[in-house]
Amino acid sequence: DYDRALLERDAWGPKRGRRLFEYWAHEASLLPMDLHPHFRWRMA
């Protein structure tokens, strides 16, 4: 049991506190923010 609002805040909350971003990884996914630079080759 956990509060789903915790996940929502990390994914879609205020910019400064965001820990997750959406992108195509294993299909559409929520990913840890530190992986963002490592998907830029796919974006390019």
All heavy atoms as atom14 arrays in JSON, in Angstrom:
{
  "sequence": "DYDRALLERDAWGPKRGRRLFEYWAHEASLLPMDLHPHFRWRMA",
  "atom14_mask": [
    [1, 1, 1, 1, 1, 1, 1, 1, 0, 0, 0, 0, 0, 0],
    [1, 1, 1, 1, 1, 1, 1, 1, 1, 1, 1, 1, 0, 0],
    [1, 1, 1, 1, 1, 1, 1, 1, 0, 0, 0, 0, 0, 0],
    [1, 1, 1, 1, 1, 1, 1, 1, 1, 1, 1, 0, 0, 0],
    [1, 1, 1, 1, 1, 0, 0, 0, 0, 0, 0, 0, 0, 0],
    [1, 1, 1, 1, 1, 1, 1, 1, 0, 0, 0, 0, 0, 0],
    [1, 1, 1, 1, 1, 1, 1, 1, 0, 0, 0, 0, 0, 0],
    [1, 1, 1, 1, 1, 1, 1, 1, 1, 0, 0, 0, 0, 0],
    [1, 1, 1, 1, 1, 1, 1, 1, 1, 1, 1, 0, 0, 0],
    [1, 1, 1, 1, 1, 1, 1, 1, 0, 0, 0, 0, 0, 0],
    [1, 1, 1, 1, 1, 0, 0, 0, 0, 0, 0, 0, 0, 0],
    [1, 1, 1, 1, 1, 1, 1, 1, 1, 1, 1, 1, 1, 1],
    [1, 1, 1, 1, 0, 0, 0, 0, 0, 0, 0, 0, 0, 0],
    [1, 1, 1, 1, 1, 1, 1, 0, 0, 0, 0, 0, 0, 0],
    [1, 1, 1, 1, 1, 1, 1, 1, 1, 0, 0, 0, 0, 0],
    [1, 1, 1, 1, 1, 1, 1, 1, 1, 1, 1, 0, 0, 0],
    [1, 1, 1, 1, 0, 0, 0, 0, 0, 0, 0, 0, 0, 0],
    [1, 1, 1, 1, 1, 1, 1, 1, 1, 1, 1, 0, 0, 0],
    [1, 1, 1, 1, 1, 1, 1, 1, 1, 1, 1, 0, 0, 0],
    [1, 1, 1, 1, 1, 1, 1, 1, 0, 0, 0, 0, 0, 0],
    [1, 1, 1, 1, 1, 1, 1, 1, 1, 1, 1, 0, 0, 0],
    [1, 1, 1, 1, 1, 1, 1, 1, 1, 0, 0, 0, 0, 0],
    [1, 1, 1, 1, 1, 1, 1, 1, 1, 1, 1, 1, 0, 0],
    [1, 1, 1, 1, 1, 1, 1, 1, 1, 1, 1, 1, 1, 1],
    [1, 1, 1, 1, 1, 0, 0, 0, 0, 0, 0, 0, 0, 0],
    [1, 1, 1, 1, 1, 1, 1, 1, 1, 1, 0, 0, 0, 0],
    [1, 1, 1, 1, 1, 1, 1, 1, 1, 0, 0, 0, 0, 0],
    [1, 1, 1, 1, 1, 0, 0, 0, 0, 0, 0, 0, 0, 0],
    [1, 1, 1, 1, 1, 1, 0, 0, 0, 0, 0, 0, 0, 0],
    [1, 1, 1, 1, 1, 1, 1, 1, 0, 0, 0, 0, 0, 0],
    [1, 1, 1, 1, 1, 1, 1, 1, 0, 0, 0, 0, 0, 0],
    [1, 1, 1, 1, 1, 1, 1, 0, 0, 0, 0, 0, 0, 0],
    [1, 1, 1, 1, 1, 1, 1, 1, 0, 0, 0, 0, 0, 0],
    [1, 1, 1, 1, 1, 1, 1, 1, 0, 0, 0, 0, 0, 0],
    [1, 1, 1, 1, 1, 1, 1, 1, 0, 0, 0, 0, 0, 0],
    [1, 1, 1, 1, 1, 1, 1, 1, 1, 1, 0, 0, 0, 0],
    [1, 1, 1, 1, 1, 1, 1, 0, 0, 0, 0, 0, 0, 0],
    [1, 1, 1, 1, 1, 1, 1, 1, 1, 1, 0, 0, 0, 0],
    [1, 1, 1, 1, 1, 1, 1, 1, 1, 1, 1, 0, 0, 0],
    [1, 1, 1, 1, 1, 1, 1, 1, 1, 1, 1, 0, 0, 0],
    [1, 1, 1, 1, 1, 1, 1, 1, 1, 1, 1, 1, 1, 1],
    [1, 1, 1, 1, 1, 1, 1, 1, 1, 1, 1, 0, 0, 0],
    [1, 1, 1, 1, 1, 1, 1, 1, 0, 0, 0, 0, 0, 0],
    [1, 1, 1, 1, 1, 0, 0, 0, 0, 0, 0, 0, 0, 0]
  ],
  "atom14_positions": [
    [[0.83, -1.21, 0.0], [0.0, 0.0, 0.0], [0.86, 1.26, 0.0], [1.69, 1.46, 0.89], [-0.89, -0.03, 1.25], [-1.99, 1.02, 1.21], [-1.88, 1.98, 0.41], [-2.95, 0.9, 1.98], [0.0, 0.0, 0.0], [0.0, 0.0, 0.0], [0.0, 0.0, 0.0], [0.0, 0.0, 0.0], [0.0, 0.0, 0.0], [0.0, 0.0, 0.0]],
    [[0.67, 2.1, -1.01], [1.37, 3.38, -1.05], [0.45, 4.44, -1.63], [-0.54, 4.12, -2.3], [2.68, 3.27, -1.85], [2.49, 3.26, -3.36], [2.62, 4.42, -4.12], [2.18, 2.08, -4.04], [2.45, 4.41, -5.49], [2.01, 2.05, -5.41], [2.14, 3.22, -6.14], [1.96, 3.21, -7.5], [0.0, 0.0, 0.0], [0.0, 0.0, 0.0]],
    [[0.77, 5.68, -1.4], [-0.03, 6.79, -1.88], [0.33, 7.07, -3.34], [1.46, 7.48, -3.64], [0.24, 8.02, -1.01], [-0.63, 9.22, -1.39], [-1.39, 9.13, -2.38], [-0.54, 10.25, -0.69], [0.0, 0.0, 0.0], [0.0, 0.0, 0.0], [0.0, 0.0, 0.0], [0.0, 0.0, 0.0], [0.0, 0.0, 0.0], [0.0, 0.0, 0.0]],
    [[-0.61, 6.85, -4.24], [-0.33, 7.05, -5.66], [0.0, 8.5, -5.99], [0.64, 8.78, -7.01], [-1.52, 6.57, -6.5], [-1.59, 5.05, -6.63], [-2.89, 4.58, -7.22], [-3.98, 4.67, -6.25], [-5.24, 4.35, -6.52], [-5.57, 3.95, -7.75], [-6.17, 4.44, -5.6], [0.0, 0.0, 0.0], [0.0, 0.0, 0.0], [0.0, 0.0, 0.0]],
    [[-0.39, 9.41, -5.12], [-0.05, 10.82, -5.34], [1.46, 11.04, -5.32], [1.96, 11.99, -5.95], [-0.73, 11.7, -4.29], [0.0, 0.0, 0.0], [0.0, 0.0, 0.0], [0.0, 0.0, 0.0], [0.0, 0.0, 0.0], [0.0, 0.0, 0.0], [0.0, 0.0, 0.0], [0.0, 0.0, 0.0], [0.0, 0.0, 0.0], [0.0, 0.0, 0.0]],
    [[2.2, 10.17, -4.63], [3.66, 10.29, -4.6], [4.23, 10.09, -6.01], [5.13, 10.82, -6.44], [4.27, 9.26, -3.64], [3.96, 9.43, -2.16], [4.5, 8.22, -1.38], [4.56, 10.72, -1.61], [0.0, 0.0, 0.0], [0.0, 0.0, 0.0], [0.0, 0.0, 0.0], [0.0, 0.0, 0.0], [0.0, 0.0, 0.0], [0.0, 0.0, 0.0]],
    [[3.72, 9.08, -6.7], [4.18, 8.81, -8.06], [3.73, 9.93, -9.0], [4.51, 10.38, -9.87], [3.65, 7.46, -8.54], [4.12, 6.98, -9.91], [5.64, 6.82, -9.94], [3.44, 5.68, -10.3], [0.0, 0.0, 0.0], [0.0, 0.0, 0.0], [0.0, 0.0, 0.0], [0.0, 0.0, 0.0], [0.0, 0.0, 0.0], [0.0, 0.0, 0.0]],
    [[2.51, 10.39, -8.84], [2.0, 11.46, -9.7], [2.82, 12.74, -9.52], [3.09, 13.45, -10.5], [0.52, 11.72, -9.37], [-0.39, 10.57, -9.77], [-1.75, 10.65, -9.11], [-2.0, 11.63, -8.37], [-2.56, 9.73, -9.31], [0.0, 0.0, 0.0], [0.0, 0.0, 0.0], [0.0, 0.0, 0.0], [0.0, 0.0, 0.0], [0.0, 0.0, 0.0]],
    [[3.21, 13.04, -8.29], [4.0, 14.25, -8.04], [5.37, 14.14, -8.7], [5.87, 15.1, -9.28], [4.13, 14.48, -6.54], [4.73, 15.82, -6.15], [4.36, 16.24, -4.75], [4.71, 15.25, -3.74], [3.81, 14.61, -2.99], [2.51, 14.82, -3.14], [4.21, 13.73, -2.08], [0.0, 0.0, 0.0], [0.0, 0.0, 0.0], [0.0, 0.0, 0.0]],
    [[5.99, 12.97, -8.62], [7.29, 12.78, -9.24], [7.2, 12.83, -10.77], [8.16, 13.24, -11.44], [7.91, 11.45, -8.81], [8.61, 11.55, -7.46], [8.62, 12.64, -6.87], [9.15, 10.52, -7.0], [0.0, 0.0, 0.0], [0.0, 0.0, 0.0], [0.0, 0.0, 0.0], [0.0, 0.0, 0.0], [0.0, 0.0, 0.0], [0.0, 0.0, 0.0]],
    [[6.06, 12.4, -11.31], [5.91, 12.35, -12.77], [5.35, 13.64, -13.36], [5.8, 14.07, -14.44], [5.0, 11.18, -13.15], [0.0, 0.0, 0.0], [0.0, 0.0, 0.0], [0.0, 0.0, 0.0], [0.0, 0.0, 0.0], [0.0, 0.0, 0.0], [0.0, 0.0, 0.0], [0.0, 0.0, 0.0], [0.0, 0.0, 0.0], [0.0, 0.0, 0.0]],
    [[4.39, 14.24, -12.69], [3.67, 15.36, -13.3], [3.5, 16.54, -12.35], [2.65, 17.41, -12.58], [2.29, 14.87, -13.78], [2.4, 13.73, -14.75], [2.99, 13.76, -15.97], [1.92, 12.39, -14.57], [2.91, 12.52, -16.57], [2.26, 11.66, -15.74], [1.21, 11.74, -13.55], [1.94, 10.32, -15.91], [0.89, 10.4, -13.71], [1.26, 9.7, -14.88]],
    [[4.31, 16.58, -11.31], [4.23, 17.67, -10.34], [5.04, 18.89, -10.77], [5.45, 19.01, -11.93], [0.0, 0.0, 0.0], [0.0, 0.0, 0.0], [0.0, 0.0, 0.0], [0.0, 0.0, 0.0], [0.0, 0.0, 0.0], [0.0, 0.0, 0.0], [0.0, 0.0, 0.0], [0.0, 0.0, 0.0], [0.0, 0.0, 0.0], [0.0, 0.0, 0.0]],
    [[5.29, 19.81, -9.83], [6.06, 21.01, -10.14], [7.43, 20.67, -10.73], [8.06, 19.68, -10.35], [6.21, 21.7, -8.78], [5.04, 21.19, -7.97], [4.82, 19.79, -8.43], [0.0, 0.0, 0.0], [0.0, 0.0, 0.0], [0.0, 0.0, 0.0], [0.0, 0.0, 0.0], [0.0, 0.0, 0.0], [0.0, 0.0, 0.0], [0.0, 0.0, 0.0]],
    [[7.87, 21.49, -11.66], [9.1, 21.24, -12.42], [10.3, 20.97, -11.51], [11.05, 20.01, -11.73], [9.38, 22.44, -13.33], [10.67, 22.35, -14.12], [10.83, 23.56, -15.04], [12.14, 23.54, -15.79], [12.28, 24.68, -16.72], [0.0, 0.0, 0.0], [0.0, 0.0, 0.0], [0.0, 0.0, 0.0], [0.0, 0.0, 0.0], [0.0, 0.0, 0.0]],
    [[10.49, 21.78, -10.5], [11.69, 21.66, -9.66], [11.77, 20.3, -8.98], [12.86, 19.75, -8.79], [11.7, 22.78, -8.62], [12.94, 22.75, -7.72], [12.94, 23.91, -6.75], [13.01, 25.2, -7.43], [13.02, 26.37, -6.81], [12.93, 26.42, -5.49], [13.09, 27.49, -7.5], [0.0, 0.0, 0.0], [0.0, 0.0, 0.0], [0.0, 0.0, 0.0]],
    [[10.61, 19.73, -8.6], [10.62, 18.48, -7.87], [10.42, 17.24, -8.72], [10.33, 16.13, -8.19], [0.0, 0.0, 0.0], [0.0, 0.0, 0.0], [0.0, 0.0, 0.0], [0.0, 0.0, 0.0], [0.0, 0.0, 0.0], [0.0, 0.0, 0.0], [0.0, 0.0, 0.0], [0.0, 0.0, 0.0], [0.0, 0.0, 0.0], [0.0, 0.0, 0.0]],
    [[10.34, 17.39, -10.01], [10.1, 16.23, -10.88], [11.26, 15.26, -10.84], [12.42, 15.64, -10.95], [9.86, 16.68, -12.32], [8.48, 17.23, -12.53], [8.22, 17.42, -14.0], [6.89, 18.01, -14.14], [5.99, 17.62, -15.01], [6.26, 16.65, -15.84], [4.81, 18.21, -15.06], [0.0, 0.0, 0.0], [0.0, 0.0, 0.0], [0.0, 0.0, 0.0]],
    [[10.92, 13.99, -10.74], [11.93, 12.93, -10.74], [11.78, 11.99, -11.94], [12.64, 11.15, -12.16], [11.83, 12.11, -9.45], [11.98, 12.91, -8.16], [13.34, 13.57, -8.06], [13.53, 14.25, -6.8], [14.2, 13.76, -5.77], [14.73, 12.55, -5.86], [14.34, 14.45, -4.66], [0.0, 0.0, 0.0], [0.0, 0.0, 0.0], [0.0, 0.0, 0.0]],
    [[10.67, 12.11, -12.68], [10.38, 11.19, -13.78], [9.98, 11.98, -15.02], [9.46, 13.09, -14.92], [9.24, 10.23, -13.4], [9.4, 9.41, -12.12], [8.11, 8.68, -11.81], [10.55, 8.43, -12.25], [0.0, 0.0, 0.0], [0.0, 0.0, 0.0], [0.0, 0.0, 0.0], [0.0, 0.0, 0.0], [0.0, 0.0, 0.0], [0.0, 0.0, 0.0]],
    [[10.2, 11.38, -16.18], [9.73, 11.97, -17.43], [9.15, 10.87, -18.3], [9.47, 9.69, -18.13], [10.85, 12.72, -18.16], [11.9, 11.83, -18.78], [11.91, 11.58, -20.14], [12.91, 11.25, -18.0], [12.88, 10.77, -20.72], [13.89, 10.44, -18.57], [13.87, 10.21, -19.93], [0.0, 0.0, 0.0], [0.0, 0.0, 0.0], [0.0, 0.0, 0.0]],
    [[8.29, 11.26, -19.23], [7.69, 10.3, -20.15], [8.47, 10.23, -21.45], [8.85, 11.26, -22.0], [6.24, 10.7, -20.47], [5.24, 10.42, -19.39], [3.81, 10.56, -19.87], [3.52, 10.15, -21.02], [2.98, 11.09, -19.11], [0.0, 0.0, 0.0], [0.0, 0.0, 0.0], [0.0, 0.0, 0.0], [0.0, 0.0, 0.0], [0.0, 0.0, 0.0]],
    [[8.68, 9.01, -21.92], [9.28, 8.84, -23.24], [9.06, 7.39, -23.68], [8.61, 6.55, -22.9], [10.77, 9.21, -23.23], [11.33, 9.33, -24.62], [10.8, 10.25, -25.53], [12.38, 8.51, -25.06], [11.3, 10.36, -26.82], [12.88, 8.61, -26.35], [12.33, 9.54, -27.22], [12.81, 9.63, -28.5], [0.0, 0.0, 0.0], [0.0, 0.0, 0.0]],
    [[9.42, 7.14, -24.95], [9.35, 5.78, -25.48], [10.61, 5.03, -25.07], [11.7, 5.33, -25.53], [9.23, 5.82, -27.01], [7.89, 6.32, -27.45], [7.57, 7.58, -27.87], [6.68, 5.57, -27.51], [6.24, 7.67, -28.17], [5.66, 6.45, -27.96], [6.34, 4.25, -27.22], [4.35, 6.04, -28.14], [5.03, 3.84, -27.39], [4.05, 4.73, -27.85]],
    [[10.45, 4.05, -24.21], [11.58, 3.22, -23.76], [11.18, 1.77, -24.02], [11.37, 1.26, -25.12], [11.88, 3.48, -22.3], [0.0, 0.0, 0.0], [0.0, 0.0, 0.0], [0.0, 0.0, 0.0], [0.0, 0.0, 0.0], [0.0, 0.0, 0.0], [0.0, 0.0, 0.0], [0.0, 0.0, 0.0], [0.0, 0.0, 0.0], [0.0, 0.0, 0.0]],
    [[10.61, 1.09, -23.03], [9.97, -0.19, -23.29], [8.49, 0.15, -23.5], [7.69, 0.07, -22.58], [10.14, -1.14, -22.09], [9.72, -2.54, -22.4], [10.61, -3.52, -22.75], [8.51, -3.12, -22.42], [9.97, -4.66, -22.97], [8.67, -4.44, -22.77], [0.0, 0.0, 0.0], [0.0, 0.0, 0.0], [0.0, 0.0, 0.0], [0.0, 0.0, 0.0]],
    [[8.14, 0.52, -24.7], [6.88, 1.19, -25.01], [6.85, 2.54, -24.26], [7.86, 3.01, -23.77], [5.68, 0.29, -24.67], [5.73, -1.09, -25.29], [5.8, -1.07, -26.81], [5.29, -0.12, -27.44], [6.42, -1.99, -27.39], [0.0, 0.0, 0.0], [0.0, 0.0, 0.0], [0.0, 0.0, 0.0], [0.0, 0.0, 0.0], [0.0, 0.0, 0.0]],
    [[5.65, 3.16, -24.17], [5.54, 4.43, -23.45], [5.83, 4.17, -21.97], [5.27, 3.24, -21.38], [4.14, 5.01, -23.62], [0.0, 0.0, 0.0], [0.0, 0.0, 0.0], [0.0, 0.0, 0.0], [0.0, 0.0, 0.0], [0.0, 0.0, 0.0], [0.0, 0.0, 0.0], [0.0, 0.0, 0.0], [0.0, 0.0, 0.0], [0.0, 0.0, 0.0]],
    [[6.69, 5.0, -21.39], [7.17, 4.7, -20.03], [7.41, 5.98, -19.24], [7.63, 7.05, -19.8], [8.49, 3.91, -20.09], [8.37, 2.73, -20.83], [0.0, 0.0, 0.0], [0.0, 0.0, 0.0], [0.0, 0.0, 0.0], [0.0, 0.0, 0.0], [0.0, 0.0, 0.0], [0.0, 0.0, 0.0], [0.0, 0.0, 0.0], [0.0, 0.0, 0.0]],
    [[7.37, 5.82, -17.92], [7.89, 6.82, -16.99], [9.3, 6.4, -16.64], [9.53, 5.25, -16.22], [7.03, 6.88, -15.72], [5.68, 7.57, -15.84], [4.85, 7.34, -14.57], [5.83, 9.06, -16.1], [0.0, 0.0, 0.0], [0.0, 0.0, 0.0], [0.0, 0.0, 0.0], [0.0, 0.0, 0.0], [0.0, 0.0, 0.0], [0.0, 0.0, 0.0]],
    [[10.25, 7.32, -16.79], [11.67, 7.01, -16.61], [12.3, 7.93, -15.59], [11.91, 9.11, -15.48], [12.4, 7.19, -17.94], [11.97, 6.26, -19.06], [11.93, 6.98, -20.39], [12.92, 5.08, -19.13], [0.0, 0.0, 0.0], [0.0, 0.0, 0.0], [0.0, 0.0, 0.0], [0.0, 0.0, 0.0], [0.0, 0.0, 0.0], [0.0, 0.0, 0.0]],
    [[13.29, 7.45, -14.82], [14.02, 8.33, -13.91], [14.66, 9.48, -14.69], [15.19, 9.29, -15.78], [15.09, 7.41, -13.31], [14.55, 6.03, -13.47], [13.76, 6.05, -14.75], [0.0, 0.0, 0.0], [0.0, 0.0, 0.0], [0.0, 0.0, 0.0], [0.0, 0.0, 0.0], [0.0, 0.0, 0.0], [0.0, 0.0, 0.0], [0.0, 0.0, 0.0]],
    [[14.59, 10.67, -14.13], [15.02, 11.87, -14.83], [16.49, 11.81, -15.25], [16.88, 12.38, -16.26], [14.76, 13.1, -13.95], [14.81, 14.41, -14.68], [13.52, 14.61, -15.95], [12.07, 14.95, -14.94], [0.0, 0.0, 0.0], [0.0, 0.0, 0.0], [0.0, 0.0, 0.0], [0.0, 0.0, 0.0], [0.0, 0.0, 0.0], [0.0, 0.0, 0.0]],
    [[17.33, 11.08, -14.49], [18.76, 11.04, -14.84], [19.01, 10.32, -16.16], [20.1, 10.43, -16.74], [19.57, 10.39, -13.72], [19.27, 8.91, -13.58], [18.16, 8.56, -13.15], [20.15, 8.09, -13.9], [0.0, 0.0, 0.0], [0.0, 0.0, 0.0], [0.0, 0.0, 0.0], [0.0, 0.0, 0.0], [0.0, 0.0, 0.0], [0.0, 0.0, 0.0]],
    [[18.01, 9.59, -16.68], [18.17, 8.91, -17.96], [17.86, 9.81, -19.15], [18.1, 9.42, -20.3], [17.28, 7.66, -18.02], [17.74, 6.45, -17.19], [16.78, 5.28, -17.38], [19.16, 6.03, -17.56], [0.0, 0.0, 0.0], [0.0, 0.0, 0.0], [0.0, 0.0, 0.0], [0.0, 0.0, 0.0], [0.0, 0.0, 0.0], [0.0, 0.0, 0.0]],
    [[17.33, 11.01, -18.9], [16.95, 11.88, -20.02], [18.09, 12.11, -21.01], [17.9, 11.93, -22.23], [16.4, 13.21, -19.49], [15.83, 14.09, -20.56], [16.6, 14.98, -21.28], [14.58, 14.19, -21.06], [15.84, 15.6, -22.16], [14.61, 15.14, -22.05], [0.0, 0.0, 0.0], [0.0, 0.0, 0.0], [0.0, 0.0, 0.0], [0.0, 0.0, 0.0]],
    [[19.3, 12.47, -20.55], [20.38, 12.66, -21.54], [20.69, 11.41, -22.35], [21.14, 11.51, -23.49], [21.59, 13.06, -20.67], [21.0, 13.58, -19.4], [19.75, 12.78, -19.18], [0.0, 0.0, 0.0], [0.0, 0.0, 0.0], [0.0, 0.0, 0.0], [0.0, 0.0, 0.0], [0.0, 0.0, 0.0], [0.0, 0.0, 0.0], [0.0, 0.0, 0.0]],
    [[20.41, 10.23, -21.79], [20.77, 8.99, -22.45], [19.72, 8.51, -23.45], [19.89, 7.45, -24.07], [21.05, 7.93, -21.39], [22.13, 8.34, -20.43], [23.44, 8.5, -20.8], [22.06, 8.7, -19.11], [24.14, 8.91, -19.77], [23.33, 9.04, -18.74], [0.0, 0.0, 0.0], [0.0, 0.0, 0.0], [0.0, 0.0, 0.0], [0.0, 0.0, 0.0]],
    [[18.65, 9.28, -23.61], [17.68, 9.01, -24.67], [17.71, 10.08, -25.76], [16.94, 10.01, -26.71], [16.27, 8.88, -24.09], [15.98, 7.53, -23.51], [16.15, 7.29, -22.16], [15.58, 6.48, -24.31], [15.92, 6.04, -21.61], [15.35, 5.22, -23.79], [15.51, 5.0, -22.44], [0.0, 0.0, 0.0], [0.0, 0.0, 0.0], [0.0, 0.0, 0.0]],
    [[18.6, 11.04, -25.62], [18.62, 12.13, -26.61], [19.09, 11.64, -27.98], [18.71, 12.22, -29.0], [19.5, 13.28, -26.1], [18.88, 14.0, -24.91], [19.79, 15.1, -24.39], [19.33, 15.58, -23.08], [20.07, 16.29, -22.24], [21.33, 16.6, -22.57], [19.59, 16.69, -21.08], [0.0, 0.0, 0.0], [0.0, 0.0, 0.0], [0.0, 0.0, 0.0]],
    [[19.92, 10.59, -28.02], [20.31, 10.03, -29.32], [19.08, 9.49, -30.06], [18.97, 9.63, -31.28], [21.35, 8.92, -29.14], [20.83, 7.74, -28.36], [20.81, 7.6, -27.01], [20.22, 6.56, -28.89], [20.22, 6.4, -26.65], [19.85, 5.75, -27.79], [19.95, 6.11, -30.19], [19.23, 4.51, -27.95], [19.33, 4.87, -30.35], [18.99, 4.09, -29.23]],
    [[18.14, 8.89, -29.3], [16.92, 8.37, -29.92], [16.04, 9.54, -30.36], [15.43, 9.5, -31.44], [16.18, 7.47, -28.93], [14.93, 6.82, -29.49], [14.34, 5.8, -28.51], [15.14, 4.57, -28.5], [14.92, 3.56, -27.66], [13.96, 3.64, -26.74], [15.68, 2.47, -27.72], [0.0, 0.0, 0.0], [0.0, 0.0, 0.0], [0.0, 0.0, 0.0]],
    [[15.97, 10.58, -29.55], [15.21, 11.77, -29.92], [15.78, 12.39, -31.19], [15.02, 12.8, -32.09], [15.22, 12.78, -28.78], [14.55, 12.31, -27.5], [14.82, 13.47, -26.12], [14.11, 12.54, -24.75], [0.0, 0.0, 0.0], [0.0, 0.0, 0.0], [0.0, 0.0, 0.0], [0.0, 0.0, 0.0], [0.0, 0.0, 0.0], [0.0, 0.0, 0.0]],
    [[17.11, 12.45, -31.29], [17.75, 13.04, -32.46], [17.47, 12.21, -33.71], [17.23, 12.76, -34.8], [19.25, 13.16, -32.23], [0.0, 0.0, 0.0], [0.0, 0.0, 0.0], [0.0, 0.0, 0.0], [0.0, 0.0, 0.0], [0.0, 0.0, 0.0], [0.0, 0.0, 0.0], [0.0, 0.0, 0.0], [0.0, 0.0, 0.0], [0.0, 0.0, 0.0]]
  ]
}
